[in-house]
Amino acid sequence: MAQQNNQLDRAKFCCSVCLDLLKDPVTIPCGHSYCMNCIQSYWDKEDEKKTHSCPQCRQSFTPRPVLVKNTMLADLVEELKKTGLQAAPADLCYAGPEDVACDVCTGRKLRAAKSCLVCFASYCEKHLQPHFESSTFKKHKLVEPSEKLQENICSRHNEVMKIFCRTDQQCICYLCSMDEHKGHDTVSAAAERTERQRELEGSRHNIQQRIQDREEDVKLLQQEVEAINGSADKAVEHSEKIFTQLIRLMEERRSDVKQQVRSQQETEVSRVKELQEKLEQEITELKRKDAELKKLSHTEDHNQFLHNYPSLSALSESTHSSSIKIRPLKYFEDVTAAVSELRDKLQDVLRETWTNISLTVTQVDVLLSNPQPEPKTRAGFLRYSREITLDPNTVNTYLLLSDGNRKVRNMSQQQPERFTSYLQVLSRESLTGRCYWEVEWRGDVYVAVAYKNINRAGDESLFGRNYKSWSLICVNHSYNFHHNKVKTPVSGPRSSRVGVYLDHSAGILSFYSVSETMTLLHRVQTTFTQPLYAGVWVYSDSTAEFSKLK
């Protein structure tokens, strides 16, 4: 009876998770106690749900409670251990919901300590002893407790499945190998396991290698992010300084103009007022003289009149011109015109340089993977369509632009001089990124792309005859491709429409014959170092028009 009471007392100090005496006992808010490691592991599995519960009463706690060792309970457990019962009696190590139960126990089953792959049964410590004590079980293979032992038994023949059928890729028993799997490629399950184990190790090695490679890639990308951020910060900082200097320079020039205008204003006003004062003095003197002469004219005494007349009639000479010549009333309007001209020039410069700055910014491209595949259909290409207009500043003297500068044809009369040696013209738009356009042509035409700084005169200014341009030569019966003086024959169906696809960052330039279908004529793989411009060369009586694409 005393022993029973001792066991009952001991049950109160067992952890309901590990079913053993409490180790570092903690008491959670609902009042139940557990080993600190047991309840921590249990709650770690619940972290994703963001709520934590008691394994016994299922009460939930939010947030996760802070665990503190229950020193009084720990002391009691230590006292219990001193009674000499170092391990919980077997009848208290019952199988829980997540445990594998002993197949031999009757009534309330104990937890299994091992499973036997020969007996296909699981045993608690007590019922496992014969496997250690009897030579009959010497060759039996014991493994960690498993609930899937019955999966090793053939459902048809109730025999152990020790054979693997490679034909059907499944485990079978020896009766299956003589029945429905007769003539199939079969090996022992152990042999198949050995081979698959080898494959598994190879797969793990590959996975680990890929993990290592990806970790290196992640480090490189992080370095790239830091480099991009650092470069961008420096660019912004330096740009701010430069623009601040430009603004300060403009402020200084504005102040200079204001100061000069005010200084000149003061000088000119002073000169005018000085002259004005002298003229007013002269007017006063003349009025006094006129009054004296008027008085003399009314003198009745002839002798008195003649006596005074010589001294009054003489007029002193004026120190100023008899008339003041004033310039047209413009004064400082010319200054305004000069400043306006400066503003217009600055606007032009800023507009041109801003295009280059913007292109430079957008050309910053970290090539993280292989370039995007080239489209296969015209609809796919039209996603990247660009409207191309020709630049009148580059047109040859004998070419005429029309249709909103999209069409060019050969003319006998001269136009303003641009390209001087060949009948060609460049687009106004610069091309970067992924672009697509089409050219409708008739006669003899070159469809080309070129850098902006291509020569405008001389033999090397022709599209394709230099390293700064790439040209597809379209004539009535054939195609050829030209670049850097190298001519390449091109085969393909004749069409009056040529499609051009550009992936600037990937260095891809492709020419297509466009009709009901698209046929690749020629593709270039290179590295473009500057923005490109579309161009055409047009021979006598020929036309080329950049199509409006929808």
Protein backbone atom coordinates (compact mmCIF):
# COMPACT_ATOMS: atom_id res chain seq x y z
CA MET A 1 0.00 0.00 0.00
CA ALA A 2 2.88 2.32 0.87
CA GLN A 3 4.41 1.53 -2.51
CA GLN A 4 1.12 2.39 -4.24
CA ASN A 5 0.95 5.71 -2.40
CA ASN A 6 4.55 6.41 -3.35
CA GLN A 7 3.73 5.77 -7.01
CA LEU A 8 0.64 7.97 -6.79
CA ASP A 9 2.70 10.80 -5.32
CA ARG A 10 5.32 10.32 -8.02
CA ALA A 11 2.68 10.63 -10.77
CA LYS A 12 1.92 14.12 -9.53
CA PHE A 13 5.54 15.12 -10.22
CA CYS A 14 5.73 13.70 -13.77
CA CYS A 15 5.70 15.91 -16.86
CA SER A 16 2.69 15.10 -19.04
CA VAL A 17 4.79 15.72 -22.16
CA CYS A 18 7.79 13.44 -21.54
CA LEU A 19 6.01 11.34 -18.84
CA ASP A 20 9.15 11.47 -16.73
CA LEU A 21 10.01 13.26 -13.49
CA LEU A 22 9.98 17.03 -13.89
CA LYS A 23 13.33 18.58 -14.89
CA ASP A 24 13.68 22.32 -14.18
CA PRO A 25 9.93 22.50 -13.50
CA VAL A 26 7.96 25.59 -14.57
CA THR A 27 4.32 26.42 -13.88
CA ILE A 28 2.35 28.12 -16.67
CA PRO A 29 -0.57 30.57 -16.07
CA CYS A 30 -3.27 27.85 -16.05
CA GLY A 31 -1.53 26.10 -13.11
CA HIS A 32 -0.10 23.01 -14.88
CA SER A 33 3.60 22.25 -14.56
CA TYR A 34 6.08 20.90 -17.11
CA CYS A 35 9.78 20.44 -17.72
CA MET A 36 11.11 23.75 -19.00
CA ASN A 37 12.58 22.16 -22.16
CA CYS A 38 9.38 20.17 -22.84
CA ILE A 39 7.00 23.12 -22.75
CA GLN A 40 9.45 25.34 -24.67
CA SER A 41 9.71 22.75 -27.47
CA TYR A 42 5.93 22.35 -27.49
CA TRP A 43 5.39 26.11 -27.79
CA ASP A 44 8.13 26.48 -30.43
CA LYS A 45 5.93 24.37 -32.72
CA GLU A 46 3.01 26.74 -32.08
CA ASP A 47 4.96 29.95 -32.84
CA GLU A 48 3.54 30.20 -36.36
CA LYS A 49 -0.02 30.30 -34.93
CA LYS A 50 1.06 33.19 -32.65
CA THR A 51 -0.94 31.63 -29.79
CA HIS A 52 0.34 29.16 -27.22
CA SER A 53 -1.72 26.61 -25.29
CA CYS A 54 -1.48 24.17 -22.40
CA PRO A 55 -0.98 20.55 -23.58
CA GLN A 56 -3.41 19.33 -20.91
CA CYS A 57 -6.29 21.82 -20.58
CA ARG A 58 -5.72 23.53 -24.00
CA GLN A 59 -6.07 27.01 -22.49
CA SER A 60 -4.50 29.58 -24.86
CA PHE A 61 -2.10 32.36 -23.92
CA THR A 62 -1.25 35.49 -25.92
CA PRO A 63 1.51 36.57 -25.91
CA ARG A 64 3.76 33.62 -25.18
CA PRO A 65 4.24 33.43 -21.37
CA VAL A 66 7.66 34.00 -19.89
CA LEU A 67 8.85 30.80 -18.16
CA VAL A 68 10.39 30.99 -14.69
CA LYS A 69 11.67 27.96 -12.77
CA ASN A 70 9.38 26.86 -9.93
CA THR A 71 11.98 26.48 -7.17
CA MET A 72 9.57 24.95 -4.62
CA LEU A 73 8.45 22.26 -7.07
CA ALA A 74 12.07 21.64 -8.07
CA ASP A 75 13.00 21.05 -4.43
CA LEU A 76 10.12 18.59 -4.02
CA VAL A 77 11.22 16.65 -7.11
CA GLU A 78 14.75 16.46 -5.75
CA GLU A 79 13.40 15.09 -2.44
CA LEU A 80 11.40 12.51 -4.35
CA LYS A 81 14.50 11.41 -6.24
CA LYS A 82 16.32 10.84 -2.94
CA THR A 83 13.83 8.08 -2.03
CA GLY A 84 15.75 5.89 -4.46
CA LEU A 85 13.13 5.75 -7.23
CA GLN A 86 15.29 7.21 -9.96
CA ALA A 87 12.98 6.29 -12.80
CA ALA A 88 9.22 6.39 -13.09
CA PRO A 89 7.57 2.97 -12.71
CA ALA A 90 6.73 1.35 -16.02
CA ASP A 91 2.99 1.53 -15.46
CA LEU A 92 3.24 5.37 -15.51
CA CYS A 93 5.06 5.63 -18.91
CA TYR A 94 1.84 5.49 -20.88
CA ALA A 95 1.69 6.22 -24.62
CA GLY A 96 0.36 9.65 -25.45
CA PRO A 97 -1.50 10.74 -28.61
CA GLU A 98 1.75 11.38 -30.45
CA ASP A 99 3.57 8.27 -29.19
CA VAL A 100 3.88 4.78 -30.69
CA ALA A 101 2.17 2.30 -28.33
CA CYS A 102 3.47 -1.13 -27.36
CA ASP A 103 1.70 -3.84 -29.40
CA VAL A 104 1.96 -6.40 -26.57
CA CYS A 105 0.55 -4.37 -23.69
CA THR A 106 -3.08 -4.93 -22.81
CA GLY A 107 -5.37 -2.32 -21.35
CA ARG A 108 -3.64 1.03 -21.18
CA LYS A 109 -0.59 0.68 -23.40
CA LEU A 110 2.89 1.90 -22.58
CA ARG A 111 5.10 3.85 -24.91
CA ALA A 112 7.14 1.76 -27.32
CA ALA A 113 10.90 1.88 -26.93
CA LYS A 114 11.73 0.13 -30.23
CA SER A 115 10.06 -1.33 -33.31
CA CYS A 116 11.17 -4.63 -34.88
CA LEU A 117 11.36 -4.88 -38.67
CA VAL A 118 11.18 -8.69 -38.47
CA CYS A 119 8.31 -9.03 -36.01
CA PHE A 120 6.62 -5.93 -37.44
CA ALA A 121 5.64 -4.93 -33.92
CA SER A 122 6.58 -2.24 -31.42
CA TYR A 123 7.61 -3.00 -27.84
CA CYS A 124 7.89 -1.15 -24.56
CA GLU A 125 11.00 -1.58 -22.41
CA LYS A 126 9.46 -4.56 -20.56
CA HIS A 127 8.25 -6.49 -23.63
CA LEU A 128 11.44 -5.65 -25.54
CA GLN A 129 13.63 -7.64 -23.14
CA PRO A 130 13.25 -11.01 -24.98
CA HIS A 131 14.92 -9.43 -28.04
CA PHE A 132 18.01 -8.85 -25.89
CA GLU A 133 17.87 -12.06 -23.84
CA SER A 134 16.84 -14.78 -26.37
CA SER A 135 19.03 -15.98 -29.25
CA THR A 136 15.81 -16.44 -31.25
CA PHE A 137 15.59 -12.66 -31.77
CA LYS A 138 19.33 -12.15 -32.27
CA LYS A 139 19.03 -11.37 -36.01
CA HIS A 140 15.96 -9.15 -35.63
CA LYS A 141 16.51 -5.52 -36.59
CA LEU A 142 15.36 -2.95 -34.04
CA VAL A 143 14.64 0.64 -35.09
CA GLU A 144 13.15 3.74 -33.51
CA PRO A 145 9.40 3.35 -32.79
CA SER A 146 7.36 3.56 -36.01
CA GLU A 147 3.63 3.56 -36.70
CA LYS A 148 4.10 2.49 -40.35
CA LEU A 149 5.26 -1.08 -39.82
CA GLN A 150 2.13 -2.52 -41.42
CA GLU A 151 3.01 -0.78 -44.67
CA ASN A 152 5.75 -3.40 -45.05
CA ILE A 153 3.14 -6.21 -45.19
CA CYS A 154 1.63 -7.17 -48.56
CA SER A 155 -2.11 -6.49 -48.41
CA ARG A 156 -2.85 -9.41 -50.79
CA HIS A 157 -0.63 -12.15 -49.44
CA ASN A 158 -0.01 -10.90 -45.89
CA GLU A 159 3.72 -11.48 -46.45
CA VAL A 160 6.67 -9.20 -45.77
CA MET A 161 7.56 -7.07 -48.81
CA LYS A 162 11.33 -7.59 -49.18
CA ILE A 163 11.47 -7.26 -52.98
CA PHE A 164 11.38 -4.10 -55.13
CA CYS A 165 9.86 -4.21 -58.61
CA ARG A 166 11.74 -1.74 -60.80
CA THR A 167 9.26 -2.25 -63.62
CA ASP A 168 6.34 -0.97 -61.53
CA GLN A 169 8.45 1.01 -59.05
CA GLN A 170 6.91 -0.55 -55.90
CA CYS A 171 7.74 -2.92 -53.05
CA ILE A 172 6.30 -6.47 -53.32
CA CYS A 173 6.45 -9.80 -51.48
CA TYR A 174 7.99 -12.98 -52.86
CA LEU A 175 4.51 -14.28 -53.86
CA CYS A 176 3.86 -11.11 -55.88
CA SER A 177 7.14 -11.72 -57.75
CA MET A 178 5.79 -15.10 -58.88
CA ASP A 179 2.33 -13.82 -59.68
CA GLU A 180 1.38 -10.47 -61.24
CA HIS A 181 5.01 -9.24 -61.24
CA LYS A 182 6.39 -12.37 -62.87
CA GLY A 183 9.06 -11.53 -65.45
CA HIS A 184 9.49 -7.98 -64.13
CA ASP A 185 12.85 -6.47 -63.24
CA THR A 186 13.08 -7.15 -59.50
CA VAL A 187 15.80 -6.77 -56.89
CA SER A 188 15.88 -7.01 -53.13
CA ALA A 189 14.57 -3.99 -51.28
CA ALA A 190 17.93 -3.72 -49.55
CA ALA A 191 19.79 -3.58 -52.88
CA GLU A 192 17.39 -0.96 -54.24
CA ARG A 193 17.76 1.02 -51.03
CA THR A 194 21.56 0.95 -51.39
CA GLU A 195 21.34 2.33 -54.92
CA ARG A 196 18.71 4.91 -54.03
CA GLN A 197 20.74 5.86 -50.97
CA ARG A 198 23.68 6.54 -53.28
CA GLU A 199 21.43 8.69 -55.48
CA LEU A 200 20.07 10.43 -52.41
CA GLU A 201 23.56 11.30 -51.22
CA GLY A 202 24.33 12.62 -54.69
CA SER A 203 21.14 14.70 -54.62
CA ARG A 204 22.00 16.02 -51.17
CA HIS A 205 25.46 16.91 -52.38
CA ASN A 206 23.98 18.78 -55.35
CA ILE A 207 21.47 20.54 -53.09
CA GLN A 208 24.18 21.52 -50.64
CA GLN A 209 26.32 22.76 -53.50
CA ARG A 210 23.40 24.76 -54.87
CA ILE A 211 22.72 26.15 -51.39
CA GLN A 212 26.37 27.20 -51.17
CA ASP A 213 26.20 28.71 -54.67
CA ARG A 214 22.97 30.56 -53.89
CA GLU A 215 24.40 31.85 -50.63
CA GLU A 216 27.35 33.19 -52.59
CA ASP A 217 24.91 34.72 -55.08
CA VAL A 218 22.98 36.32 -52.22
CA LYS A 219 26.23 37.80 -50.89
CA LEU A 220 27.10 39.12 -54.35
CA LEU A 221 23.63 40.62 -54.75
CA GLN A 222 23.90 42.24 -51.34
CA GLN A 223 27.25 43.69 -52.37
CA GLU A 224 25.60 44.85 -55.60
CA VAL A 225 22.80 46.51 -53.64
CA GLU A 226 25.36 48.28 -51.46
CA ALA A 227 27.33 49.32 -54.53
CA ILE A 228 24.20 50.62 -56.28
CA ASN A 229 23.08 52.52 -53.19
CA GLY A 230 26.56 53.93 -52.64
CA SER A 231 26.93 54.99 -56.27
CA ALA A 232 23.44 56.52 -56.32
CA ASP A 233 24.11 58.43 -53.08
CA LYS A 234 27.37 59.80 -54.47
CA ALA A 235 25.70 60.74 -57.78
CA VAL A 236 22.90 62.57 -55.94
CA GLU A 237 25.37 64.30 -53.62
CA HIS A 238 27.66 65.42 -56.44
CA SER A 239 24.71 66.44 -58.64
CA GLU A 240 23.30 68.50 -55.79
CA LYS A 241 26.65 70.27 -55.40
CA ILE A 242 26.91 70.93 -59.13
CA PHE A 243 23.34 72.23 -59.41
CA THR A 244 23.91 74.35 -56.29
CA GLN A 245 27.00 75.82 -57.98
CA LEU A 246 24.98 76.48 -61.14
CA ILE A 247 22.23 78.15 -59.13
CA ARG A 248 24.83 80.22 -57.23
CA LEU A 249 26.42 81.23 -60.55
CA MET A 250 23.03 82.26 -61.92
CA GLU A 251 22.33 84.23 -58.75
CA GLU A 252 25.68 85.99 -59.09
CA ARG A 253 24.99 86.84 -62.74
CA ARG A 254 21.51 88.07 -61.85
CA SER A 255 23.00 90.28 -59.15
CA ASP A 256 25.67 91.55 -61.58
CA VAL A 257 23.07 92.46 -64.21
CA LYS A 258 20.91 94.19 -61.60
CA GLN A 259 23.88 96.13 -60.22
CA GLN A 260 25.08 97.18 -63.68
CA VAL A 261 21.62 98.27 -64.77
CA ARG A 262 21.10 100.29 -61.57
CA SER A 263 24.56 101.85 -61.84
CA GLN A 264 24.04 102.82 -65.47
CA GLN A 265 20.54 104.04 -64.59
CA GLU A 266 22.00 106.32 -61.90
CA THR A 267 24.70 107.65 -64.23
CA GLU A 268 22.31 108.41 -67.08
CA VAL A 269 19.66 109.95 -64.82
CA SER A 270 22.35 112.14 -63.20
CA ARG A 271 23.52 113.36 -66.62
CA VAL A 272 19.98 114.13 -67.72
CA LYS A 273 19.15 115.98 -64.49
CA GLU A 274 22.37 118.02 -64.71
CA LEU A 275 21.46 119.09 -68.22
CA GLN A 276 17.91 119.69 -67.12
CA GLU A 277 19.08 122.05 -64.32
CA LYS A 278 21.31 124.03 -66.72
CA LEU A 279 18.48 124.37 -69.18
CA GLU A 280 16.12 125.54 -66.43
CA GLN A 281 18.73 128.15 -65.37
CA GLU A 282 18.99 129.33 -68.96
CA ILE A 283 15.20 129.54 -69.19
CA THR A 284 15.13 131.67 -66.03
CA GLU A 285 17.83 133.97 -67.42
CA LEU A 286 16.03 134.26 -70.75
CA LYS A 287 12.75 135.09 -69.04
CA ARG A 288 14.50 137.85 -67.04
CA LYS A 289 16.07 139.17 -70.26
CA ASP A 290 12.70 139.09 -72.00
CA ALA A 291 11.15 141.09 -69.17
CA GLU A 292 13.85 143.77 -69.42
CA LEU A 293 13.46 144.00 -73.19
CA LYS A 294 9.71 144.25 -72.80
CA LYS A 295 10.14 147.09 -70.33
CA LEU A 296 12.58 148.82 -72.71
CA SER A 297 10.13 148.47 -75.58
CA HIS A 298 7.57 150.50 -73.62
CA THR A 299 10.05 153.37 -72.87
CA GLU A 300 8.66 156.62 -74.40
CA ASP A 301 11.90 158.56 -74.07
CA HIS A 302 13.74 158.00 -77.31
CA ASN A 303 17.07 159.02 -75.91
CA GLN A 304 16.69 156.71 -72.91
CA PHE A 305 15.66 153.79 -75.20
CA LEU A 306 18.69 154.29 -77.45
CA HIS A 307 20.99 154.66 -74.49
CA ASN A 308 19.91 151.33 -72.87
CA TYR A 309 19.28 149.27 -75.98
CA PRO A 310 22.93 148.29 -76.72
CA SER A 311 23.38 146.73 -73.30
CA LEU A 312 20.05 144.87 -73.27
CA SER A 313 19.73 143.67 -76.83
CA ALA A 314 22.86 141.48 -76.82
CA LEU A 315 22.11 137.78 -75.93
CA SER A 316 24.71 135.52 -74.39
CA GLU A 317 25.37 132.32 -76.33
CA SER A 318 23.67 129.14 -75.12
CA THR A 319 26.03 126.55 -73.69
CA HIS A 320 23.84 123.76 -75.14
CA SER A 321 22.60 122.75 -78.52
CA SER A 322 19.45 124.40 -79.69
CA SER A 323 17.77 120.98 -79.70
CA ILE A 324 18.10 117.84 -77.58
CA LYS A 325 18.36 114.62 -79.61
CA ILE A 326 16.82 111.67 -77.79
CA ARG A 327 17.31 108.07 -78.95
CA PRO A 328 14.20 105.90 -79.42
CA LEU A 329 12.71 105.03 -76.06
CA LYS A 330 14.33 101.61 -75.61
CA TYR A 331 16.96 102.31 -73.03
CA PHE A 332 17.42 99.01 -71.14
CA GLU A 333 15.09 96.88 -73.31
CA ASP A 334 18.18 95.54 -75.05
CA VAL A 335 19.35 94.19 -71.72
CA THR A 336 16.07 92.30 -71.35
CA ALA A 337 16.48 90.94 -74.87
CA ALA A 338 20.05 89.82 -74.13
CA VAL A 339 18.95 88.10 -70.90
CA SER A 340 16.04 86.47 -72.77
CA GLU A 341 18.46 85.21 -75.37
CA LEU A 342 20.63 83.76 -72.60
CA ARG A 343 17.56 82.07 -71.11
CA ASP A 344 16.62 80.53 -74.47
CA LYS A 345 20.14 79.24 -75.01
CA LEU A 346 20.26 77.79 -71.51
CA GLN A 347 16.90 76.12 -72.08
CA ASP A 348 18.21 74.54 -75.28
CA VAL A 349 21.37 73.38 -73.57
CA LEU A 350 19.46 72.01 -70.58
CA ARG A 351 16.99 70.26 -72.87
CA GLU A 352 19.76 68.57 -74.84
CA THR A 353 21.92 67.74 -71.83
CA TRP A 354 18.89 66.54 -69.87
CA THR A 355 18.18 63.98 -72.57
CA ASN A 356 21.74 62.70 -72.25
CA ILE A 357 21.55 62.75 -68.42
CA SER A 358 18.23 60.91 -68.44
CA LEU A 359 19.53 58.31 -70.90
CA THR A 360 22.65 57.86 -68.79
CA VAL A 361 20.51 57.26 -65.70
CA THR A 362 18.16 54.80 -67.42
CA GLN A 363 21.10 52.90 -68.90
CA VAL A 364 22.14 51.83 -65.40
CA ASP A 365 21.11 48.18 -65.63
CA VAL A 366 22.28 45.32 -63.44
CA LEU A 367 22.14 42.21 -65.62
CA LEU A 368 20.82 39.74 -63.04
CA SER A 369 19.96 36.91 -65.39
CA ASN A 370 19.90 35.91 -69.04
CA PRO A 371 18.31 38.49 -71.38
CA GLN A 372 14.59 38.27 -72.05
CA PRO A 373 13.79 35.91 -74.94
CA GLU A 374 13.07 37.56 -78.26
CA PRO A 375 9.35 37.55 -79.15
CA LYS A 376 8.11 34.91 -81.60
CA THR A 377 5.13 36.73 -83.12
CA ARG A 378 4.49 40.20 -84.52
CA ALA A 379 2.04 40.85 -81.69
CA GLY A 380 4.85 40.09 -79.26
CA PHE A 381 7.16 42.55 -81.04
CA LEU A 382 4.48 45.25 -81.08
CA ARG A 383 4.64 45.34 -77.28
CA TYR A 384 7.98 47.14 -77.73
CA SER A 385 6.97 49.31 -80.71
CA ARG A 386 8.47 52.80 -80.93
CA GLU A 387 7.22 55.63 -83.12
CA ILE A 388 10.18 56.83 -85.17
CA THR A 389 10.41 60.32 -86.68
CA LEU A 390 13.32 61.46 -88.79
CA ASP A 391 15.56 64.31 -87.72
CA PRO A 392 15.62 67.22 -90.21
CA ASN A 393 19.01 68.22 -88.81
CA THR A 394 20.57 65.06 -90.29
CA VAL A 395 18.75 64.75 -93.63
CA ASN A 396 20.86 64.75 -96.78
CA THR A 397 20.59 67.72 -99.10
CA TYR A 398 18.70 65.70 -101.75
CA LEU A 399 16.21 63.98 -99.45
CA LEU A 400 12.73 65.28 -98.66
CA LEU A 401 10.89 64.44 -95.45
CA SER A 402 7.08 64.19 -95.32
CA ASP A 403 4.17 62.65 -93.39
CA GLY A 404 5.22 64.16 -90.09
CA ASN A 405 8.93 63.40 -90.75
CA ARG A 406 8.19 59.66 -90.95
CA LYS A 407 8.63 59.32 -94.71
CA VAL A 408 11.68 60.13 -96.80
CA ARG A 409 12.12 60.20 -100.58
CA ASN A 410 14.81 61.20 -103.00
CA MET A 411 14.55 64.69 -104.57
CA SER A 412 16.54 66.50 -107.21
CA GLN A 413 16.40 69.83 -105.41
CA GLN A 414 18.71 70.60 -102.55
CA GLN A 415 17.58 70.77 -98.94
CA PRO A 416 19.57 72.28 -96.03
CA GLU A 417 22.95 70.55 -95.83
CA ARG A 418 23.18 67.64 -93.38
CA PHE A 419 24.61 64.28 -94.50
CA THR A 420 26.64 65.44 -97.45
CA SER A 421 28.07 62.32 -99.08
CA TYR A 422 25.18 59.83 -98.95
CA LEU A 423 21.40 60.01 -99.20
CA GLN A 424 20.62 59.09 -95.61
CA VAL A 425 18.98 60.42 -92.45
CA LEU A 426 18.82 59.54 -88.74
CA SER A 427 15.84 59.49 -86.37
CA ARG A 428 15.19 62.21 -83.87
CA GLU A 429 14.56 59.65 -81.08
CA SER A 430 17.39 57.84 -79.33
CA LEU A 431 16.82 54.11 -78.74
CA THR A 432 17.67 52.20 -75.56
CA GLY A 433 16.07 49.29 -73.76
CA ARG A 434 13.82 47.01 -75.83
CA CYS A 435 12.40 48.63 -79.00
CA TYR A 436 10.68 47.53 -82.19
CA TRP A 437 9.81 49.46 -85.37
CA GLU A 438 8.94 48.74 -89.00
CA VAL A 439 10.01 50.38 -92.25
CA GLU A 440 7.86 50.26 -95.41
CA TRP A 441 10.23 50.51 -98.37
CA ARG A 442 10.26 50.68 -102.17
CA GLY A 443 13.20 50.65 -104.55
CA ASP A 444 16.72 50.45 -103.06
CA VAL A 445 16.91 51.21 -99.35
CA TYR A 446 19.25 50.68 -96.39
CA VAL A 447 17.46 50.08 -93.05
CA ALA A 448 20.00 50.90 -90.35
CA VAL A 449 20.84 51.87 -86.79
CA ALA A 450 23.78 54.09 -85.86
CA TYR A 451 25.39 56.05 -83.07
CA LYS A 452 24.71 59.79 -83.01
CA ASN A 453 28.37 60.63 -83.61
CA ILE A 454 28.59 58.79 -86.96
CA ASN A 455 30.50 60.78 -89.59
CA ARG A 456 28.31 63.01 -91.78
CA ALA A 457 30.68 63.20 -94.74
CA GLY A 458 33.16 60.99 -96.53
CA ASP A 459 33.20 57.32 -97.57
CA GLU A 460 32.94 56.09 -93.97
CA SER A 461 29.71 58.00 -93.35
CA LEU A 462 27.69 55.38 -95.28
CA PHE A 463 25.57 53.14 -93.05
CA GLY A 464 27.40 49.84 -92.51
CA ARG A 465 30.76 51.10 -93.73
CA ASN A 466 31.98 51.90 -90.18
CA TYR A 467 31.89 50.42 -86.69
CA LYS A 468 29.26 52.95 -85.60
CA SER A 469 26.40 51.63 -87.73
CA TRP A 470 24.64 48.39 -88.70
CA SER A 471 22.69 48.23 -91.95
CA LEU A 472 20.35 45.84 -93.81
CA ILE A 473 20.53 46.52 -97.54
CA CYS A 474 17.12 46.00 -99.19
CA VAL A 475 16.95 45.92 -102.95
CA ASN A 476 14.30 44.50 -105.24
CA HIS A 477 15.63 40.97 -105.33
CA SER A 478 17.96 40.42 -102.38
CA TYR A 479 19.15 41.37 -98.90
CA ASN A 480 22.65 41.98 -97.55
CA PHE A 481 23.93 43.03 -94.14
CA HIS A 482 26.74 45.57 -93.67
CA HIS A 483 28.79 46.45 -90.59
CA ASN A 484 32.29 47.92 -90.37
CA LYS A 485 32.85 47.37 -94.14
CA VAL A 486 32.00 43.64 -93.87
CA LYS A 487 29.22 42.50 -96.21
CA THR A 488 27.16 39.42 -95.28
CA PRO A 489 24.66 37.84 -97.73
CA VAL A 490 21.20 37.41 -96.19
CA SER A 491 18.53 34.99 -97.39
CA GLY A 492 14.81 35.31 -96.72
CA PRO A 493 11.44 36.02 -98.32
CA ARG A 494 11.11 39.36 -100.08
CA SER A 495 8.72 41.75 -98.37
CA SER A 496 8.06 45.47 -98.66
CA ARG A 497 8.14 45.76 -94.88
CA VAL A 498 11.16 45.23 -92.60
CA GLY A 499 10.81 44.90 -88.82
CA VAL A 500 13.72 45.88 -86.57
CA TYR A 501 14.00 44.58 -82.99
CA LEU A 502 16.53 46.03 -80.53
CA ASP A 503 17.41 44.84 -77.02
CA HIS A 504 20.05 47.45 -76.22
CA SER A 505 21.24 46.14 -72.84
CA ALA A 506 21.47 42.55 -74.16
CA GLY A 507 23.28 43.71 -77.32
CA ILE A 508 20.73 42.11 -79.68
CA LEU A 509 19.73 43.63 -83.05
CA SER A 510 17.42 41.61 -85.33
CA PHE A 511 15.95 42.30 -88.79
CA TYR A 512 12.72 40.59 -89.87
CA SER A 513 10.82 40.23 -93.13
CA VAL A 514 7.25 41.16 -92.20
CA SER A 515 4.23 39.88 -94.12
CA GLU A 516 1.50 37.57 -92.81
CA THR A 517 4.25 35.95 -90.80
CA MET A 518 7.61 37.19 -89.53
CA THR A 519 10.83 35.64 -90.83
CA LEU A 520 14.19 36.38 -89.23
CA LEU A 521 16.61 37.75 -91.82
CA HIS A 522 19.66 38.53 -89.70
CA ARG A 523 20.53 38.85 -86.01
CA VAL A 524 23.49 40.67 -84.43
CA GLN A 525 24.88 39.88 -80.96
CA THR A 526 27.26 42.59 -79.76
CA THR A 527 27.76 45.24 -77.06
CA PHE A 528 26.27 48.68 -77.67
CA THR A 529 28.20 51.46 -75.92
CA GLN A 530 25.91 54.41 -76.80
CA PRO A 531 22.22 55.06 -77.48
CA LEU A 532 21.27 54.11 -81.05
CA TYR A 533 19.31 56.03 -83.68
CA ALA A 534 17.23 54.54 -86.47
CA GLY A 535 18.34 55.47 -89.98
CA VAL A 536 17.61 54.92 -93.66
CA TRP A 537 19.53 55.37 -96.89
CA VAL A 538 17.32 56.01 -99.95
CA TYR A 539 18.43 55.67 -103.56
CA SER A 540 16.98 57.46 -106.61
CA ASP A 541 13.17 57.22 -106.92
CA SER A 542 13.05 55.10 -103.75
CA THR A 543 11.04 55.71 -100.56
CA ALA A 544 11.21 54.55 -96.97
CA GLU A 545 8.51 55.19 -94.37
CA PHE A 546 8.54 54.40 -90.65
CA SER A 547 5.16 52.79 -90.02
CA LYS A 548 2.74 53.85 -87.31
CA LEU A 549 2.26 50.72 -85.22
CA LYS A 550 -0.76 49.99 -83.04
